[in-house]
Amino acid sequence: MVMVDQQPLATTDLGLETVGEVFSHLARANRLVVHFLIDGQTPNLEQLPALRQARIDGHTLFIETADPRQMAKNVLKEAHDELAGADAAKDAAAEQLRRNNFSSGMEKLATCLAAWQRAEQAIVGSAKLLNINLDAVLTEAALPPNWLTVFAENLRQLGLAVQARDAVALTDLLAYETTQTTSHWQDIVAAMLAMV
């Protein structure tokens, strides 16, 4: 028996004989498997290639799926909401560093960096999930194709300044080099949402 989203799947009528064929059928229906049990147990995903070959007769499969586009939209909206506070945290970090409050500045910087990194993960993950070209997303957001490289370099510079505990360099990076980072991420998220 195969249950998909609490409904029985007519595997015999569909000619589905293996776990892999069931997964392929769901993928063609634009469903992404998000949870899977076989005979009440979570399978070892390291053995997924062999599991895909396993015959379904004699087993009970419970499968939960999701719409990949809706998943991407949810993740992107969460990233967009989190970005709303990133600039305030970045500015507060720079201010704390100017006042020689290094630990407080690092706290604020961590909030900002977390929002930027989650935005990047949401964009890259959604693009991969939906097979969307990142260059097309950057073009839609009116950003140059090398913007992700520039962002990575800014992160590297911030990391070096943090390691060196160089408050002056950090303040300069926050005040001058990353002034539009949050708005760029917001533009990219908006462009990606429009493409989803």
N, C-alpha and C. Protein backbone atom coordinates (compact mmCIF):
# COMPACT_ATOMS: atom_id res chain seq x y z
N MET A 1 0.84 -1.17 0.00
CA MET A 1 0.00 0.00 0.00
C MET A 1 0.90 1.25 0.00
N VAL A 2 0.52 2.21 -0.82
CA VAL A 2 1.25 3.47 -0.89
C VAL A 2 0.26 4.59 -0.60
N MET A 3 0.56 5.36 0.45
CA MET A 3 -0.27 6.51 0.83
C MET A 3 0.54 7.78 0.55
N VAL A 4 -0.06 8.68 -0.20
CA VAL A 4 0.58 9.96 -0.51
C VAL A 4 -0.33 11.06 0.00
N ASP A 5 0.19 11.85 0.91
CA ASP A 5 -0.58 12.94 1.50
C ASP A 5 -1.94 12.46 2.01
N GLN A 6 -1.90 11.34 2.74
CA GLN A 6 -3.09 10.77 3.39
C GLN A 6 -4.07 10.13 2.41
N GLN A 7 -3.68 10.01 1.13
CA GLN A 7 -4.56 9.40 0.13
C GLN A 7 -3.86 8.19 -0.49
N PRO A 8 -4.62 7.10 -0.74
CA PRO A 8 -3.99 5.95 -1.38
C PRO A 8 -3.62 6.28 -2.83
N LEU A 9 -2.48 5.77 -3.25
CA LEU A 9 -2.03 5.95 -4.63
C LEU A 9 -2.27 4.64 -5.37
N ALA A 10 -2.95 4.71 -6.50
CA ALA A 10 -3.30 3.51 -7.28
C ALA A 10 -2.08 3.06 -8.07
N THR A 11 -1.13 2.47 -7.37
CA THR A 11 0.13 2.07 -8.00
C THR A 11 -0.06 1.02 -9.09
N THR A 12 -0.97 0.09 -8.88
CA THR A 12 -1.20 -0.96 -9.87
C THR A 12 -1.74 -0.35 -11.16
N ASP A 13 -2.76 0.52 -11.02
CA ASP A 13 -3.34 1.17 -12.20
C ASP A 13 -2.32 2.03 -12.94
N LEU A 14 -1.40 2.60 -12.19
CA LEU A 14 -0.37 3.47 -12.79
C LEU A 14 0.85 2.69 -13.28
N GLY A 15 0.89 1.41 -12.95
CA GLY A 15 2.03 0.58 -13.37
C GLY A 15 3.30 0.86 -12.59
N LEU A 16 3.15 1.32 -11.34
CA LEU A 16 4.32 1.65 -10.51
C LEU A 16 4.70 0.43 -9.68
N GLU A 17 5.95 0.02 -9.78
CA GLU A 17 6.39 -1.20 -9.09
C GLU A 17 7.50 -0.97 -8.07
N THR A 18 8.25 0.14 -8.22
CA THR A 18 9.37 0.39 -7.31
C THR A 18 9.21 1.75 -6.63
N VAL A 19 9.97 1.92 -5.55
CA VAL A 19 9.96 3.19 -4.84
C VAL A 19 10.39 4.32 -5.79
N GLY A 20 11.39 4.07 -6.61
CA GLY A 20 11.87 5.07 -7.56
C GLY A 20 10.79 5.47 -8.56
N GLU A 21 10.00 4.49 -9.02
CA GLU A 21 8.92 4.81 -9.95
C GLU A 21 7.85 5.68 -9.28
N VAL A 22 7.57 5.41 -7.99
CA VAL A 22 6.62 6.23 -7.25
C VAL A 22 7.16 7.66 -7.13
N PHE A 23 8.44 7.79 -6.77
CA PHE A 23 9.05 9.12 -6.65
C PHE A 23 9.01 9.86 -7.99
N SER A 24 9.32 9.16 -9.07
CA SER A 24 9.31 9.78 -10.40
C SER A 24 7.90 10.23 -10.77
N HIS A 25 6.91 9.41 -10.45
CA HIS A 25 5.51 9.78 -10.71
C HIS A 25 5.15 11.06 -9.96
N LEU A 26 5.56 11.16 -8.70
CA LEU A 26 5.27 12.35 -7.91
C LEU A 26 6.00 13.57 -8.46
N ALA A 27 7.23 13.38 -8.91
CA ALA A 27 7.99 14.49 -9.49
C ALA A 27 7.30 15.00 -10.76
N ARG A 28 6.79 14.08 -11.58
CA ARG A 28 6.08 14.50 -12.80
C ARG A 28 4.81 15.28 -12.45
N ALA A 29 4.24 14.98 -11.29
CA ALA A 29 3.04 15.68 -10.82
C ALA A 29 3.41 16.98 -10.08
N ASN A 30 4.69 17.35 -10.17
CA ASN A 30 5.21 18.56 -9.53
C ASN A 30 5.05 18.52 -8.01
N ARG A 31 5.33 17.37 -7.43
CA ARG A 31 5.30 17.20 -5.99
C ARG A 31 6.70 16.83 -5.53
N LEU A 32 7.11 17.40 -4.43
CA LEU A 32 8.43 17.14 -3.84
C LEU A 32 8.23 16.32 -2.57
N VAL A 33 8.91 15.20 -2.48
CA VAL A 33 8.80 14.34 -1.30
C VAL A 33 9.53 15.02 -0.15
N VAL A 34 8.80 15.28 0.93
CA VAL A 34 9.40 15.94 2.09
C VAL A 34 9.49 15.01 3.30
N HIS A 35 8.73 13.92 3.28
CA HIS A 35 8.79 12.94 4.37
C HIS A 35 8.40 11.59 3.80
N PHE A 36 9.11 10.54 4.25
CA PHE A 36 8.90 9.22 3.66
C PHE A 36 9.13 8.15 4.72
N LEU A 37 8.17 7.25 4.84
CA LEU A 37 8.31 6.10 5.73
C LEU A 37 8.05 4.84 4.92
N ILE A 38 8.82 3.81 5.20
CA ILE A 38 8.57 2.50 4.59
C ILE A 38 8.40 1.51 5.73
N ASP A 39 7.25 0.89 5.75
CA ASP A 39 6.89 -0.03 6.83
C ASP A 39 7.03 0.64 8.19
N GLY A 40 6.64 1.89 8.26
CA GLY A 40 6.64 2.64 9.52
C GLY A 40 8.00 3.15 9.96
N GLN A 41 9.04 2.95 9.17
CA GLN A 41 10.40 3.36 9.53
C GLN A 41 10.93 4.40 8.54
N THR A 42 11.70 5.33 9.07
CA THR A 42 12.39 6.28 8.20
C THR A 42 13.58 5.58 7.58
N PRO A 43 13.65 5.53 6.25
CA PRO A 43 14.77 4.82 5.61
C PRO A 43 16.08 5.59 5.73
N ASN A 44 17.16 4.87 5.61
CA ASN A 44 18.49 5.45 5.60
C ASN A 44 18.70 6.10 4.23
N LEU A 45 18.75 7.43 4.19
CA LEU A 45 18.86 8.13 2.92
C LEU A 45 20.21 7.94 2.24
N GLU A 46 21.19 7.44 2.99
CA GLU A 46 22.48 7.13 2.37
C GLU A 46 22.35 5.93 1.43
N GLN A 47 21.28 5.18 1.62
CA GLN A 47 21.03 4.01 0.77
C GLN A 47 19.93 4.29 -0.25
N LEU A 48 19.70 5.57 -0.54
CA LEU A 48 18.62 5.96 -1.43
C LEU A 48 18.71 5.32 -2.82
N PRO A 49 19.88 5.23 -3.44
CA PRO A 49 19.92 4.57 -4.77
C PRO A 49 19.38 3.13 -4.71
N ALA A 50 19.76 2.39 -3.70
CA ALA A 50 19.26 1.01 -3.57
C ALA A 50 17.78 1.02 -3.22
N LEU A 51 17.37 1.94 -2.38
CA LEU A 51 15.98 2.05 -1.96
C LEU A 51 15.07 2.36 -3.16
N ARG A 52 15.56 3.18 -4.06
CA ARG A 52 14.76 3.52 -5.24
C ARG A 52 14.46 2.27 -6.08
N GLN A 53 15.33 1.28 -6.01
CA GLN A 53 15.14 0.04 -6.77
C GLN A 53 14.22 -0.95 -6.05
N ALA A 54 13.94 -0.68 -4.78
CA ALA A 54 13.14 -1.62 -3.97
C ALA A 54 11.71 -1.69 -4.50
N ARG A 55 11.20 -2.90 -4.57
CA ARG A 55 9.83 -3.12 -5.01
C ARG A 55 8.88 -2.69 -3.90
N ILE A 56 7.71 -2.15 -4.30
CA ILE A 56 6.77 -1.66 -3.31
C ILE A 56 5.81 -2.74 -2.83
N ASP A 57 5.65 -3.82 -3.60
CA ASP A 57 4.71 -4.86 -3.16
C ASP A 57 5.21 -5.50 -1.87
N GLY A 58 4.28 -5.69 -0.96
CA GLY A 58 4.63 -6.25 0.34
C GLY A 58 5.09 -5.22 1.35
N HIS A 59 5.11 -3.96 0.96
CA HIS A 59 5.54 -2.88 1.87
C HIS A 59 4.44 -1.83 1.99
N THR A 60 4.49 -1.09 3.07
CA THR A 60 3.60 0.04 3.27
C THR A 60 4.43 1.31 3.22
N LEU A 61 4.08 2.19 2.30
CA LEU A 61 4.81 3.45 2.15
C LEU A 61 3.88 4.60 2.52
N PHE A 62 4.39 5.49 3.36
CA PHE A 62 3.70 6.73 3.69
C PHE A 62 4.58 7.85 3.18
N ILE A 63 4.02 8.69 2.33
CA ILE A 63 4.78 9.77 1.71
C ILE A 63 4.04 11.09 1.91
N GLU A 64 4.77 12.09 2.37
CA GLU A 64 4.23 13.45 2.43
C GLU A 64 4.95 14.26 1.37
N THR A 65 4.19 15.07 0.65
CA THR A 65 4.78 15.88 -0.41
C THR A 65 4.44 17.35 -0.20
N ALA A 66 5.09 18.17 -0.98
CA ALA A 66 4.83 19.61 -0.97
C ALA A 66 5.00 20.13 -2.39
N ASP A 67 4.39 21.26 -2.63
CA ASP A 67 4.55 21.94 -3.91
C ASP A 67 5.87 22.71 -3.85
N PRO A 68 6.83 22.40 -4.71
CA PRO A 68 8.13 23.07 -4.64
C PRO A 68 8.04 24.59 -4.79
N ARG A 69 7.13 25.06 -5.63
CA ARG A 69 7.00 26.51 -5.82
C ARG A 69 6.49 27.16 -4.53
N GLN A 70 5.53 26.53 -3.87
CA GLN A 70 5.01 27.09 -2.63
C GLN A 70 6.08 27.07 -1.54
N MET A 71 6.87 25.98 -1.51
CA MET A 71 7.98 25.91 -0.54
C MET A 71 8.95 27.05 -0.77
N ALA A 72 9.31 27.28 -2.03
CA ALA A 72 10.25 28.35 -2.36
C ALA A 72 9.67 29.70 -1.97
N LYS A 73 8.39 29.93 -2.28
CA LYS A 73 7.75 31.20 -1.92
C LYS A 73 7.80 31.43 -0.41
N ASN A 74 7.50 30.38 0.36
CA ASN A 74 7.51 30.52 1.82
C ASN A 74 8.90 30.89 2.33
N VAL A 75 9.91 30.19 1.83
CA VAL A 75 11.29 30.45 2.26
C VAL A 75 11.72 31.86 1.87
N LEU A 76 11.37 32.27 0.66
CA LEU A 76 11.75 33.60 0.19
C LEU A 76 11.04 34.70 0.98
N LYS A 77 9.78 34.49 1.31
CA LYS A 77 9.05 35.48 2.10
C LYS A 77 9.64 35.60 3.50
N GLU A 78 10.03 34.47 4.09
CA GLU A 78 10.68 34.50 5.41
C GLU A 78 11.99 35.28 5.33
N ALA A 79 12.76 35.03 4.28
CA ALA A 79 14.04 35.75 4.11
C ALA A 79 13.78 37.25 3.94
N HIS A 80 12.77 37.59 3.15
CA HIS A 80 12.43 39.01 2.94
C HIS A 80 12.06 39.68 4.26
N ASP A 81 11.24 38.99 5.06
CA ASP A 81 10.83 39.56 6.35
C ASP A 81 12.04 39.76 7.28
N GLU A 82 12.96 38.80 7.26
CA GLU A 82 14.14 38.91 8.13
C GLU A 82 15.06 40.04 7.68
N LEU A 83 15.10 40.29 6.38
CA LEU A 83 15.96 41.36 5.87
C LEU A 83 15.50 42.74 6.34
N ALA A 84 14.24 42.86 6.72
CA ALA A 84 13.70 44.15 7.14
C ALA A 84 14.51 44.77 8.28
N GLY A 85 15.07 43.96 9.17
CA GLY A 85 15.83 44.49 10.29
C GLY A 85 17.33 44.48 10.10
N ALA A 86 17.79 44.01 8.93
CA ALA A 86 19.24 43.85 8.73
C ALA A 86 19.98 45.19 8.70
N ASP A 87 19.44 46.18 8.02
CA ASP A 87 20.14 47.48 7.95
C ASP A 87 20.22 48.16 9.31
N ALA A 88 19.14 48.06 10.08
CA ALA A 88 19.17 48.66 11.42
C ALA A 88 20.25 47.97 12.27
N ALA A 89 20.35 46.65 12.15
CA ALA A 89 21.38 45.92 12.91
C ALA A 89 22.77 46.29 12.42
N LYS A 90 22.94 46.46 11.10
CA LYS A 90 24.24 46.84 10.54
C LYS A 90 24.64 48.23 11.03
N ASP A 91 23.70 49.15 11.00
CA ASP A 91 23.99 50.52 11.45
C ASP A 91 24.28 50.55 12.95
N ALA A 92 23.54 49.76 13.72
CA ALA A 92 23.77 49.70 15.16
C ALA A 92 25.13 49.08 15.45
N ALA A 93 25.53 48.10 14.65
CA ALA A 93 26.85 47.48 14.82
C ALA A 93 27.95 48.52 14.59
N ALA A 94 27.82 49.28 13.50
CA ALA A 94 28.82 50.32 13.20
C ALA A 94 28.89 51.35 14.32
N GLU A 95 27.73 51.73 14.84
CA GLU A 95 27.70 52.71 15.93
C GLU A 95 28.37 52.17 17.19
N GLN A 96 28.09 50.93 17.52
CA GLN A 96 28.71 50.32 18.70
C GLN A 96 30.22 50.21 18.52
N LEU A 97 30.66 49.90 17.32
CA LEU A 97 32.10 49.80 17.06
C LEU A 97 32.76 51.18 17.17
N ARG A 98 32.09 52.21 16.68
CA ARG A 98 32.63 53.57 16.81
C ARG A 98 32.81 53.95 18.28
N ARG A 99 31.96 53.42 19.14
CA ARG A 99 32.02 53.70 20.58
C ARG A 99 32.91 52.71 21.33
N ASN A 100 33.66 51.89 20.59
CA ASN A 100 34.56 50.89 21.16
C ASN A 100 33.82 49.82 21.97
N ASN A 101 32.58 49.57 21.65
CA ASN A 101 31.81 48.48 22.25
C ASN A 101 31.86 47.28 21.30
N PHE A 102 33.01 46.60 21.30
CA PHE A 102 33.25 45.55 20.31
C PHE A 102 32.25 44.41 20.46
N SER A 103 32.01 43.92 21.68
CA SER A 103 31.12 42.76 21.84
C SER A 103 29.68 43.11 21.46
N SER A 104 29.22 44.29 21.82
CA SER A 104 27.87 44.71 21.44
C SER A 104 27.78 44.89 19.93
N GLY A 105 28.83 45.43 19.33
CA GLY A 105 28.88 45.58 17.88
C GLY A 105 28.83 44.23 17.18
N MET A 106 29.53 43.24 17.74
CA MET A 106 29.54 41.90 17.15
C MET A 106 28.16 41.25 17.24
N GLU A 107 27.47 41.53 18.33
CA GLU A 107 26.12 41.00 18.49
C GLU A 107 25.20 41.52 17.39
N LYS A 108 25.25 42.81 17.16
CA LYS A 108 24.43 43.43 16.12
C LYS A 108 24.86 42.96 14.72
N LEU A 109 26.16 42.85 14.54
CA LEU A 109 26.67 42.39 13.25
C LEU A 109 26.20 40.96 12.97
N ALA A 110 26.18 40.12 13.99
CA ALA A 110 25.73 38.73 13.82
C ALA A 110 24.29 38.69 13.32
N THR A 111 23.44 39.58 13.84
CA THR A 111 22.04 39.63 13.41
C THR A 111 21.96 39.99 11.93
N CYS A 112 22.73 40.99 11.54
CA CYS A 112 22.75 41.43 10.15
C CYS A 112 23.27 40.33 9.22
N LEU A 113 24.40 39.75 9.59
CA LEU A 113 25.00 38.71 8.75
C LEU A 113 24.09 37.50 8.62
N ALA A 114 23.41 37.14 9.70
CA ALA A 114 22.48 36.01 9.65
C ALA A 114 21.37 36.27 8.64
N ALA A 115 20.84 37.48 8.62
CA ALA A 115 19.78 37.82 7.67
C ALA A 115 20.30 37.74 6.23
N TRP A 116 21.49 38.27 5.99
CA TRP A 116 22.06 38.22 4.64
C TRP A 116 22.32 36.78 4.21
N GLN A 117 22.88 36.00 5.11
CA GLN A 117 23.21 34.62 4.75
C GLN A 117 21.94 33.78 4.53
N ARG A 118 20.91 34.02 5.33
CA ARG A 118 19.66 33.28 5.10
C ARG A 118 19.03 33.69 3.78
N ALA A 119 19.16 34.96 3.41
CA ALA A 119 18.65 35.41 2.11
C ALA A 119 19.40 34.68 0.99
N GLU A 120 20.71 34.61 1.13
CA GLU A 120 21.51 33.90 0.11
C GLU A 120 21.10 32.44 0.03
N GLN A 121 20.94 31.78 1.17
CA GLN A 121 20.53 30.37 1.18
C GLN A 121 19.16 30.19 0.55
N ALA A 122 18.24 31.11 0.85
CA ALA A 122 16.89 31.03 0.28
C ALA A 122 16.93 31.17 -1.24
N ILE A 123 17.73 32.13 -1.71
CA ILE A 123 17.83 32.37 -3.16
C ILE A 123 18.48 31.18 -3.85
N VAL A 124 19.64 30.77 -3.36
CA VAL A 124 20.38 29.68 -4.01
C VAL A 124 19.57 28.38 -3.93
N GLY A 125 19.00 28.09 -2.76
CA GLY A 125 18.22 26.87 -2.61
C GLY A 125 16.98 26.86 -3.48
N SER A 126 16.28 27.99 -3.55
CA SER A 126 15.08 28.07 -4.39
C SER A 126 15.44 27.95 -5.86
N ALA A 127 16.52 28.58 -6.26
CA ALA A 127 16.95 28.49 -7.66
C ALA A 127 17.28 27.04 -8.02
N LYS A 128 17.96 26.36 -7.12
CA LYS A 128 18.30 24.96 -7.36
C LYS A 128 17.05 24.09 -7.41
N LEU A 129 16.15 24.29 -6.46
CA LEU A 129 14.92 23.51 -6.37
C LEU A 129 14.06 23.67 -7.62
N LEU A 130 13.98 24.90 -8.13
CA LEU A 130 13.10 25.18 -9.25
C LEU A 130 13.83 25.27 -10.59
N ASN A 131 15.12 24.99 -10.56
CA ASN A 131 15.95 25.03 -11.77
C ASN A 131 15.88 26.40 -12.46
N ILE A 132 16.11 27.44 -11.66
CA ILE A 132 16.13 28.81 -12.16
C ILE A 132 17.57 29.29 -12.18
N ASN A 133 17.97 29.90 -13.27
CA ASN A 133 19.33 30.40 -13.45
C ASN A 133 19.53 31.65 -12.58
N LEU A 134 20.55 31.61 -11.71
CA LEU A 134 20.82 32.75 -10.82
C LEU A 134 21.19 34.01 -11.59
N ASP A 135 21.86 33.86 -12.72
CA ASP A 135 22.19 35.04 -13.52
C ASP A 135 20.92 35.74 -13.99
N ALA A 136 19.90 34.96 -14.33
CA ALA A 136 18.62 35.54 -14.77
C ALA A 136 17.96 36.28 -13.61
N VAL A 137 18.09 35.74 -12.41
CA VAL A 137 17.51 36.40 -11.23
C VAL A 137 18.23 37.73 -10.99
N LEU A 138 19.56 37.72 -11.06
CA LEU A 138 20.32 38.95 -10.86
C LEU A 138 20.00 39.99 -11.94
N THR A 139 19.83 39.54 -13.17
CA THR A 139 19.45 40.45 -14.25
C THR A 139 18.07 41.06 -13.97
N GLU A 140 17.14 40.22 -13.54
CA GLU A 140 15.79 40.69 -13.20
C GLU A 140 15.84 41.71 -12.06
N ALA A 141 16.79 41.54 -11.14
CA ALA A 141 16.94 42.46 -10.01
C ALA A 141 17.80 43.68 -10.37
N ALA A 142 18.21 43.77 -11.64
CA ALA A 142 19.03 44.88 -12.14
C ALA A 142 20.38 44.95 -11.44
N LEU A 143 20.96 43.78 -11.15
CA LEU A 143 22.28 43.71 -10.54
C LEU A 143 23.24 43.02 -11.50
N PRO A 144 24.53 43.35 -11.41
CA PRO A 144 25.50 42.70 -12.30
C PRO A 144 25.65 41.22 -11.95
N PRO A 145 26.01 40.39 -12.93
CA PRO A 145 26.14 38.95 -12.70
C PRO A 145 27.19 38.58 -11.63
N ASN A 146 28.13 39.48 -11.38
CA ASN A 146 29.18 39.18 -10.39
C ASN A 146 28.80 39.65 -8.99
N TRP A 147 27.55 40.04 -8.77
CA TRP A 147 27.18 40.60 -7.47
C TRP A 147 27.38 39.60 -6.33
N LEU A 148 27.09 38.33 -6.56
CA LEU A 148 27.29 37.33 -5.50
C LEU A 148 28.78 37.20 -5.15
N THR A 149 29.64 37.38 -6.13
CA THR A 149 31.08 37.35 -5.88
C THR A 149 31.49 38.56 -5.04
N VAL A 150 30.94 39.72 -5.36
CA VAL A 150 31.20 40.93 -4.58
C VAL A 150 30.73 40.73 -3.14
N PHE A 151 29.53 40.16 -2.98
CA PHE A 151 29.00 39.89 -1.65
C PHE A 151 29.92 38.96 -0.88
N ALA A 152 30.38 37.90 -1.53
CA ALA A 152 31.28 36.94 -0.88
C ALA A 152 32.58 37.62 -0.45
N GLU A 153 33.09 38.52 -1.28
CA GLU A 153 34.32 39.25 -0.93
C GLU A 153 34.08 40.16 0.27
N ASN A 154 32.93 40.82 0.30
CA ASN A 154 32.60 41.67 1.46
C ASN A 154 32.54 40.83 2.74
N LEU A 155 31.93 39.65 2.64
CA LEU A 155 31.88 38.76 3.82
C LEU A 155 33.28 38.34 4.25
N ARG A 156 34.13 38.05 3.26
CA ARG A 156 35.51 37.66 3.58
C ARG A 156 36.24 38.79 4.30
N GLN A 157 36.07 40.01 3.80
CA GLN A 157 36.72 41.17 4.42
C GLN A 157 36.18 41.40 5.84
N LEU A 158 34.88 41.25 6.01
CA LEU A 158 34.29 41.38 7.35
C LEU A 158 34.86 40.32 8.30
N GLY A 159 34.97 39.10 7.79
CA GLY A 159 35.53 38.02 8.61
C GLY A 159 36.96 38.29 9.03
N LEU A 160 37.77 38.79 8.11
CA LEU A 160 39.16 39.12 8.44
C LEU A 160 39.22 40.23 9.49
N ALA A 161 38.37 41.24 9.35
CA ALA A 161 38.35 42.34 10.32
C ALA A 161 37.90 41.86 11.69
N VAL A 162 36.94 40.94 11.72
CA VAL A 162 36.48 40.38 13.00
C VAL A 162 37.61 39.58 13.65
N GLN A 163 38.28 38.75 12.86
CA GLN A 163 39.39 37.95 13.41
C GLN A 163 40.48 38.84 13.98
N ALA A 164 40.74 39.94 13.30
CA ALA A 164 41.79 40.86 13.75
C ALA A 164 41.29 41.80 14.85
N ARG A 165 40.00 41.71 15.16
CA ARG A 165 39.36 42.61 16.12
C ARG A 165 39.64 44.07 15.75
N ASP A 166 39.56 44.34 14.45
CA ASP A 166 39.84 45.67 13.90
C ASP A 166 38.52 46.44 13.77
N ALA A 167 38.18 47.17 14.81
CA ALA A 167 36.92 47.91 14.85
C ALA A 167 36.85 48.99 13.77
N VAL A 168 37.98 49.61 13.45
CA VAL A 168 38.02 50.66 12.43
C VAL A 168 37.70 50.07 11.06
N ALA A 169 38.35 48.97 10.72
CA ALA A 169 38.10 48.34 9.42
C ALA A 169 36.66 47.85 9.33
N LEU A 170 36.15 47.27 10.42
CA LEU A 170 34.76 46.80 10.43
C LEU A 170 33.79 47.96 10.23
N THR A 171 34.03 49.04 10.94
CA THR A 171 33.16 50.21 10.82
C THR A 171 33.17 50.73 9.39
N ASP A 172 34.35 50.82 8.79
CA ASP A 172 34.46 51.29 7.40
C ASP A 172 33.72 50.36 6.45
N LEU A 173 33.89 49.05 6.62
CA LEU A 173 33.20 48.09 5.76
C LEU A 173 31.68 48.23 5.89
N LEU A 174 31.23 48.39 7.12
CA LEU A 174 29.78 48.50 7.35
C LEU A 174 29.23 49.83 6.83
N ALA A 175 30.00 50.87 6.99
CA ALA A 175 29.53 52.20 6.61
C ALA A 175 29.65 52.49 5.12
N TYR A 176 30.63 51.87 4.44
CA TYR A 176 30.88 52.23 3.05
C TYR A 176 30.72 51.09 2.05
N GLU A 177 31.20 49.91 2.40
CA GLU A 177 31.22 48.81 1.43
C GLU A 177 29.92 48.02 1.37
N THR A 178 29.14 48.04 2.44
CA THR A 178 27.94 47.19 2.49
C THR A 178 26.65 48.00 2.60
N THR A 179 26.71 49.27 2.20
CA THR A 179 25.55 50.14 2.39
C THR A 179 24.30 49.65 1.63
N GLN A 180 24.49 49.03 0.50
CA GLN A 180 23.33 48.60 -0.30
C GLN A 180 23.10 47.09 -0.26
N THR A 181 23.83 46.38 0.57
CA THR A 181 23.73 44.93 0.58
C THR A 181 22.31 44.47 0.89
N THR A 182 21.71 45.02 1.93
CA THR A 182 20.35 44.60 2.29
C THR A 182 19.35 44.92 1.18
N SER A 183 19.43 46.12 0.62
CA SER A 183 18.48 46.47 -0.45
C SER A 183 18.70 45.60 -1.68
N HIS A 184 19.94 45.22 -1.96
CA HIS A 184 20.21 44.32 -3.08
C HIS A 184 19.59 42.95 -2.82
N TRP A 185 19.77 42.45 -1.58
CA TRP A 185 19.15 41.15 -1.26
C TRP A 185 17.64 41.24 -1.38
N GLN A 186 17.06 42.35 -0.94
CA GLN A 186 15.61 42.52 -1.07
C GLN A 186 15.19 42.54 -2.54
N ASP A 187 15.99 43.19 -3.38
CA ASP A 187 15.70 43.21 -4.82
C ASP A 187 15.79 41.81 -5.42
N ILE A 188 16.79 41.05 -4.99
CA ILE A 188 16.96 39.70 -5.52
C ILE A 188 15.81 38.80 -5.06
N VAL A 189 15.42 38.92 -3.81
CA VAL A 189 14.30 38.12 -3.29
C VAL A 189 13.03 38.48 -4.07
N ALA A 190 12.79 39.77 -4.29
CA ALA A 190 11.60 40.19 -5.04
C ALA A 190 11.63 39.65 -6.46
N ALA A 191 12.80 39.70 -7.10
CA ALA A 191 12.93 39.18 -8.46
C ALA A 191 12.67 37.68 -8.49
N MET A 192 13.20 36.98 -7.50
CA MET A 192 13.00 35.53 -7.44
C MET A 192 11.52 35.21 -7.21
N LEU A 193 10.87 35.95 -6.31
CA LEU A 193 9.43 35.73 -6.08
C LEU A 193 8.62 35.96 -7.35
N ALA A 194 9.02 36.95 -8.15
CA ALA A 194 8.32 37.22 -9.40
C ALA A 194 8.51 36.08 -10.40
N MET A 195 9.65 35.38 -10.31
CA MET A 195 9.94 34.28 -11.23
C MET A 195 9.31 32.97 -10.78
N VAL A 196 9.00 32.88 -9.50
CA VAL A 196 8.41 31.65 -8.95
C VAL A 196 6.93 31.63 -9.29
